[in-house]
Structure formats: C-alpha cells, structure tokens
C-alpha cells in the first residue's frame, strides 16, 4: 500500500498516454540484508553478492545486488509510482526485454520510472506495456531497463 500520493490514471485514459511517463516510485535503499535474503531465497549464493570481504577485493569494491533482485522490485516500484483505479484484476503477463546496464552496489538507493509503451485492447480488458527504468541515486546509467507487460481488467 503506497504511503504517499501517486497519480491515479483511469484505464480509459491510457491509450492516449502512450509515450508518457506514468510515474516515478520513491527511492528504496538496497542493503546487505535484502541482498542476503534474496540470495538465500533463490539459492544464488555467488560471492559477489554475499561475501563482503571477497567482494571488497573484486571488480566493484563491494557486494552488488542480483540483477533478478532488482527486477523483482519492479512490482513494488510500479505500485508506488502510479495507480490504475477501479480494476477487477491486474496480472503480470511477462517481459519483452530486460537489461542490466550497470551494477547495483550494496547501500545504494534505487527508484523506478515507468513510461507507457503500449495499451492494446484484449478480451475483457487491456494489455499494458511499460518501460521500467530502475535508476541508482547518483549514477548516470540505469541498473535495469525492462519492458513489463501486464493485463488490466476493469470492474
């Protein structure tokens, strides 16, 4: 549940908003506890994510978050960036493209910026494609860029 004001974008207005930024999430701190929890939940225990001593001598000078951890945060970021009210159901349909252009070092802050790429009618609702760009505070390159596809069904 969002703790701040986010734009409410009625589903009927989305086809006319293609190309627009729908919203930006608040910043989220990525600490070692979150990285470790993700590593253990997915059994991805590579040293670059969880071994702080070894990672300090590695290419990034500290541990980095998993790319898939960053990707998994898109749901929270989207929910905290914009709202499509009066939906019966919203489902994640998949991803068209995912890239991780830059690493996400531990103790960074990230946020998601969501730009509408397409809004197409489907049976009983709309298929919405959004470009999600995860920015790292103070960095020039994003840490993740993904095309997220969802299906939205009005009440």
C-alpha atoms as a PDB file:
ATOM      1  CA  UNK A   1       0.000   0.000   0.000  1.00  0.00           C
ATOM      2  CA  UNK A   2       1.557   3.326  -1.050  1.00  0.00           C
ATOM      3  CA  UNK A   3       2.421   5.739   1.743  1.00  0.00           C
ATOM      4  CA  UNK A   4       2.494   8.801  -0.490  1.00  0.00           C
ATOM      5  CA  UNK A   5       0.373  10.438  -3.168  1.00  0.00           C
ATOM      6  CA  UNK A   6       0.624   8.763  -6.537  1.00  0.00           C
ATOM      7  CA  UNK A   7      -1.160   9.680  -9.750  1.00  0.00           C
ATOM      8  CA  UNK A   8      -4.449   7.900 -10.408  1.00  0.00           C
ATOM      9  CA  UNK A   9      -4.650   7.057 -14.094  1.00  0.00           C
ATOM     10  CA  UNK A  10      -8.028   5.705 -15.208  1.00  0.00           C
ATOM     11  CA  UNK A  11      -7.637   2.766 -17.574  1.00  0.00           C
ATOM     12  CA  UNK A  12      -9.747   4.524 -20.206  1.00  0.00           C
ATOM     13  CA  UNK A  13      -7.151   7.322 -20.441  1.00  0.00           C
ATOM     14  CA  UNK A  14      -4.133   5.084 -21.038  1.00  0.00           C
ATOM     15  CA  UNK A  15      -4.386   4.705 -24.843  1.00  0.00           C
ATOM     16  CA  UNK A  16      -3.973   8.488 -25.098  1.00  0.00           C
ATOM     17  CA  UNK A  17      -0.906   8.453 -22.824  1.00  0.00           C
ATOM     18  CA  UNK A  18       1.373   6.218 -24.908  1.00  0.00           C
ATOM     19  CA  UNK A  19       4.892   7.656 -24.723  1.00  0.00           C
ATOM     20  CA  UNK A  20       4.267   9.439 -21.412  1.00  0.00           C
ATOM     21  CA  UNK A  21       5.916   8.792 -18.068  1.00  0.00           C
ATOM     22  CA  UNK A  22       3.160   7.411 -15.849  1.00  0.00           C
ATOM     23  CA  UNK A  23       5.036   7.909 -12.600  1.00  0.00           C
ATOM     24  CA  UNK A  24       8.191   7.541 -10.553  1.00  0.00           C
ATOM     25  CA  UNK A  25       8.496   5.480  -7.389  1.00  0.00           C
ATOM     26  CA  UNK A  26      10.103   6.699  -4.180  1.00  0.00           C
ATOM     27  CA  UNK A  27      13.719   5.810  -3.514  1.00  0.00           C
ATOM     28  CA  UNK A  28      14.374   2.411  -1.946  1.00  0.00           C
ATOM     29  CA  UNK A  29      17.565   1.548  -0.017  1.00  0.00           C
ATOM     30  CA  UNK A  30      19.226  -1.735  -1.009  1.00  0.00           C
ATOM     31  CA  UNK A  31      21.146  -3.066   1.982  1.00  0.00           C
ATOM     32  CA  UNK A  32      23.114  -6.255   2.513  1.00  0.00           C
ATOM     33  CA  UNK A  33      20.281  -7.864   4.494  1.00  0.00           C
ATOM     34  CA  UNK A  34      17.970  -7.581   1.460  1.00  0.00           C
ATOM     35  CA  UNK A  35      20.667  -8.961  -0.871  1.00  0.00           C
ATOM     36  CA  UNK A  36      21.389 -11.860   1.509  1.00  0.00           C
ATOM     37  CA  UNK A  37      17.677 -12.687   1.884  1.00  0.00           C
ATOM     38  CA  UNK A  38      17.277 -12.785  -1.909  1.00  0.00           C
ATOM     39  CA  UNK A  39      20.407 -14.920  -2.273  1.00  0.00           C
ATOM     40  CA  UNK A  40      19.095 -17.470   0.203  1.00  0.00           C
ATOM     41  CA  UNK A  41      15.555 -17.438  -1.224  1.00  0.00           C
ATOM     42  CA  UNK A  42      16.871 -18.197  -4.730  1.00  0.00           C
ATOM     43  CA  UNK A  43      19.958 -20.269  -3.838  1.00  0.00           C
ATOM     44  CA  UNK A  44      22.088 -17.792  -5.802  1.00  0.00           C
ATOM     45  CA  UNK A  45      24.957 -17.579  -3.331  1.00  0.00           C
ATOM     46  CA  UNK A  46      27.644 -16.211  -5.647  1.00  0.00           C
ATOM     47  CA  UNK A  47      30.393 -14.461  -3.678  1.00  0.00           C
ATOM     48  CA  UNK A  48      29.938 -11.138  -5.489  1.00  0.00           C
ATOM     49  CA  UNK A  49      26.539 -10.824  -3.783  1.00  0.00           C
ATOM     50  CA  UNK A  50      27.105 -12.175  -0.280  1.00  0.00           C
ATOM     51  CA  UNK A  51      30.807 -12.339   0.624  1.00  0.00           C
ATOM     52  CA  UNK A  52      31.618  -8.776   1.682  1.00  0.00           C
ATOM     53  CA  UNK A  53      35.313  -9.452   2.261  1.00  0.00           C
ATOM     54  CA  UNK A  54      35.923 -11.140  -1.084  1.00  0.00           C
ATOM     55  CA  UNK A  55      33.727  -8.626  -2.928  1.00  0.00           C
ATOM     56  CA  UNK A  56      35.728  -5.733  -1.443  1.00  0.00           C
ATOM     57  CA  UNK A  57      38.712  -7.012  -3.434  1.00  0.00           C
ATOM     58  CA  UNK A  58      36.568  -7.694  -6.507  1.00  0.00           C
ATOM     59  CA  UNK A  59      35.727  -5.567  -9.544  1.00  0.00           C
ATOM     60  CA  UNK A  60      33.132  -3.352  -7.797  1.00  0.00           C
ATOM     61  CA  UNK A  61      34.845  -2.863  -4.427  1.00  0.00           C
ATOM     62  CA  UNK A  62      31.834  -4.196  -2.525  1.00  0.00           C
ATOM     63  CA  UNK A  63      28.923  -6.585  -2.924  1.00  0.00           C
ATOM     64  CA  UNK A  64      26.327  -5.949  -5.598  1.00  0.00           C
ATOM     65  CA  UNK A  65      22.652  -6.841  -5.788  1.00  0.00           C
ATOM     66  CA  UNK A  66      21.490  -9.636  -8.043  1.00  0.00           C
ATOM     67  CA  UNK A  67      20.025  -8.427 -11.322  1.00  0.00           C
ATOM     68  CA  UNK A  68      16.959 -10.532 -10.629  1.00  0.00           C
ATOM     69  CA  UNK A  69      16.578  -8.878  -7.206  1.00  0.00           C
ATOM     70  CA  UNK A  70      16.455  -5.528  -8.976  1.00  0.00           C
ATOM     71  CA  UNK A  71      13.959  -6.914 -11.483  1.00  0.00           C
ATOM     72  CA  UNK A  72      11.775  -8.352  -8.709  1.00  0.00           C
ATOM     73  CA  UNK A  73      11.407  -4.887  -7.188  1.00  0.00           C
ATOM     74  CA  UNK A  74       9.526  -3.629 -10.265  1.00  0.00           C
ATOM     75  CA  UNK A  75       6.210  -4.744  -8.760  1.00  0.00           C
ATOM     76  CA  UNK A  76       6.715  -2.643  -5.626  1.00  0.00           C
ATOM     77  CA  UNK A  77       8.084   0.278  -7.615  1.00  0.00           C
ATOM     78  CA  UNK A  78       5.172   0.209 -10.055  1.00  0.00           C
ATOM     79  CA  UNK A  79       2.606   0.053  -7.261  1.00  0.00           C
ATOM     80  CA  UNK A  80       4.287   3.073  -5.693  1.00  0.00           C
ATOM     81  CA  UNK A  81       4.666   5.075  -8.925  1.00  0.00           C
ATOM     82  CA  UNK A  82       1.139   5.139 -10.385  1.00  0.00           C
ATOM     83  CA  UNK A  83      -2.318   3.731  -9.758  1.00  0.00           C
ATOM     84  CA  UNK A  84      -4.881   2.459 -12.223  1.00  0.00           C
ATOM     85  CA  UNK A  85      -8.065   2.596 -10.126  1.00  0.00           C
ATOM     86  CA  UNK A  86     -11.249   0.553 -10.440  1.00  0.00           C
ATOM     87  CA  UNK A  87      -9.676  -2.677 -11.613  1.00  0.00           C
ATOM     88  CA  UNK A  88     -11.202  -6.089 -11.065  1.00  0.00           C
ATOM     89  CA  UNK A  89      -7.838  -7.704 -11.620  1.00  0.00           C
ATOM     90  CA  UNK A  90      -4.319  -6.922 -12.771  1.00  0.00           C
ATOM     91  CA  UNK A  91      -1.917  -9.693 -13.749  1.00  0.00           C
ATOM     92  CA  UNK A  92       1.731  -9.805 -14.708  1.00  0.00           C
ATOM     93  CA  UNK A  93       1.806 -11.170 -18.270  1.00  0.00           C
ATOM     94  CA  UNK A  94       5.556 -11.148 -18.760  1.00  0.00           C
ATOM     95  CA  UNK A  95       8.560  -9.247 -20.017  1.00  0.00           C
ATOM     96  CA  UNK A  96       9.642  -8.368 -23.542  1.00  0.00           C
ATOM     97  CA  UNK A  97      13.162  -7.171 -22.814  1.00  0.00           C
ATOM     98  CA  UNK A  98      15.354  -6.983 -19.731  1.00  0.00           C
ATOM     99  CA  UNK A  99      18.808  -5.463 -19.475  1.00  0.00           C
ATOM    100  CA  UNK A 100      21.129  -4.683 -16.556  1.00  0.00           C
ATOM    101  CA  UNK A 101      23.336  -1.872 -17.950  1.00  0.00           C
ATOM    102  CA  UNK A 102      25.148  -1.166 -14.668  1.00  0.00           C
ATOM    103  CA  UNK A 103      25.776  -2.952 -11.354  1.00  0.00           C
ATOM    104  CA  UNK A 104      23.806  -2.114  -8.211  1.00  0.00           C
ATOM    105  CA  UNK A 105      26.268  -1.800  -5.294  1.00  0.00           C
ATOM    106  CA  UNK A 106      25.106  -2.518  -1.761  1.00  0.00           C
ATOM    107  CA  UNK A 107      23.816   0.507   0.192  1.00  0.00           C
ATOM    108  CA  UNK A 108      22.586   2.268  -2.946  1.00  0.00           C
ATOM    109  CA  UNK A 109      19.183   3.840  -3.406  1.00  0.00           C
ATOM    110  CA  UNK A 110      17.053   2.980  -6.439  1.00  0.00           C
ATOM    111  CA  UNK A 111      13.760   4.106  -7.916  1.00  0.00           C
ATOM    112  CA  UNK A 112      11.631   3.115 -10.882  1.00  0.00           C
ATOM    113  CA  UNK A 113      10.490   5.384 -13.690  1.00  0.00           C
ATOM    114  CA  UNK A 114       7.600   3.995 -15.734  1.00  0.00           C
ATOM    115  CA  UNK A 115       6.850   5.074 -19.313  1.00  0.00           C
ATOM    116  CA  UNK A 116       3.851   3.735 -21.212  1.00  0.00           C
ATOM    117  CA  UNK A 117       4.845   1.993 -24.462  1.00  0.00           C
ATOM    118  CA  UNK A 118       1.512   0.461 -25.494  1.00  0.00           C
ATOM    119  CA  UNK A 119      -2.062  -0.054 -24.361  1.00  0.00           C
ATOM    120  CA  UNK A 120      -3.957  -2.529 -26.505  1.00  0.00           C
ATOM    121  CA  UNK A 121      -7.449  -3.969 -26.064  1.00  0.00           C
ATOM    122  CA  UNK A 122      -7.749  -7.662 -25.223  1.00  0.00           C
ATOM    123  CA  UNK A 123     -10.816  -9.701 -24.374  1.00  0.00           C
ATOM    124  CA  UNK A 124     -12.325  -8.133 -21.267  1.00  0.00           C
ATOM    125  CA  UNK A 125      -9.536  -5.624 -20.665  1.00  0.00           C
ATOM    126  CA  UNK A 126      -6.287  -4.084 -21.813  1.00  0.00           C
ATOM    127  CA  UNK A 127      -2.729  -5.260 -22.302  1.00  0.00           C
ATOM    128  CA  UNK A 128      -0.384  -2.575 -20.980  1.00  0.00           C
ATOM    129  CA  UNK A 129       3.314  -2.466 -21.870  1.00  0.00           C
ATOM    130  CA  UNK A 130       5.501  -0.212 -19.759  1.00  0.00           C
ATOM    131  CA  UNK A 131       9.197   0.559 -19.982  1.00  0.00           C
ATOM    132  CA  UNK A 132      10.525   0.380 -16.425  1.00  0.00           C
ATOM    133  CA  UNK A 133      13.862   2.086 -15.829  1.00  0.00           C
ATOM    134  CA  UNK A 134      15.497   1.492 -12.453  1.00  0.00           C
ATOM    135  CA  UNK A 135      17.770   4.401 -11.613  1.00  0.00           C
ATOM    136  CA  UNK A 136      20.510   4.370  -8.985  1.00  0.00           C
ATOM    137  CA  UNK A 137      20.875   7.576  -6.979  1.00  0.00           C
ATOM    138  CA  UNK A 138      23.936   9.465  -8.202  1.00  0.00           C
ATOM    139  CA  UNK A 139      24.615   7.204 -11.207  1.00  0.00           C
ATOM    140  CA  UNK A 140      24.400   8.080 -14.886  1.00  0.00           C
ATOM    141  CA  UNK A 141      23.442   4.606 -16.134  1.00  0.00           C
ATOM    142  CA  UNK A 142      20.322   2.741 -15.017  1.00  0.00           C
ATOM    143  CA  UNK A 143      20.767  -0.578 -13.215  1.00  0.00           C
ATOM    144  CA  UNK A 144      17.836  -2.174 -15.014  1.00  0.00           C
ATOM    145  CA  UNK A 145      15.661  -1.421 -18.024  1.00  0.00           C
ATOM    146  CA  UNK A 146      12.749  -3.753 -18.736  1.00  0.00           C
ATOM    147  CA  UNK A 147       9.599  -3.847 -20.813  1.00  0.00           C
ATOM    148  CA  UNK A 148       6.931  -5.133 -18.472  1.00  0.00           C
ATOM    149  CA  UNK A 149       3.632  -6.425 -19.852  1.00  0.00           C
ATOM    150  CA  UNK A 150       0.530  -6.624 -17.694  1.00  0.00           C
ATOM    151  CA  UNK A 151      -3.122  -7.289 -18.300  1.00  0.00           C
ATOM    152  CA  UNK A 152      -5.610  -4.965 -16.635  1.00  0.00           C
ATOM    153  CA  UNK A 153      -9.290  -5.812 -16.254  1.00  0.00           C
ATOM    154  CA  UNK A 154     -11.763  -3.083 -15.254  1.00  0.00           C
ATOM    155  CA  UNK A 155     -14.560  -3.563 -12.738  1.00  0.00           C
END
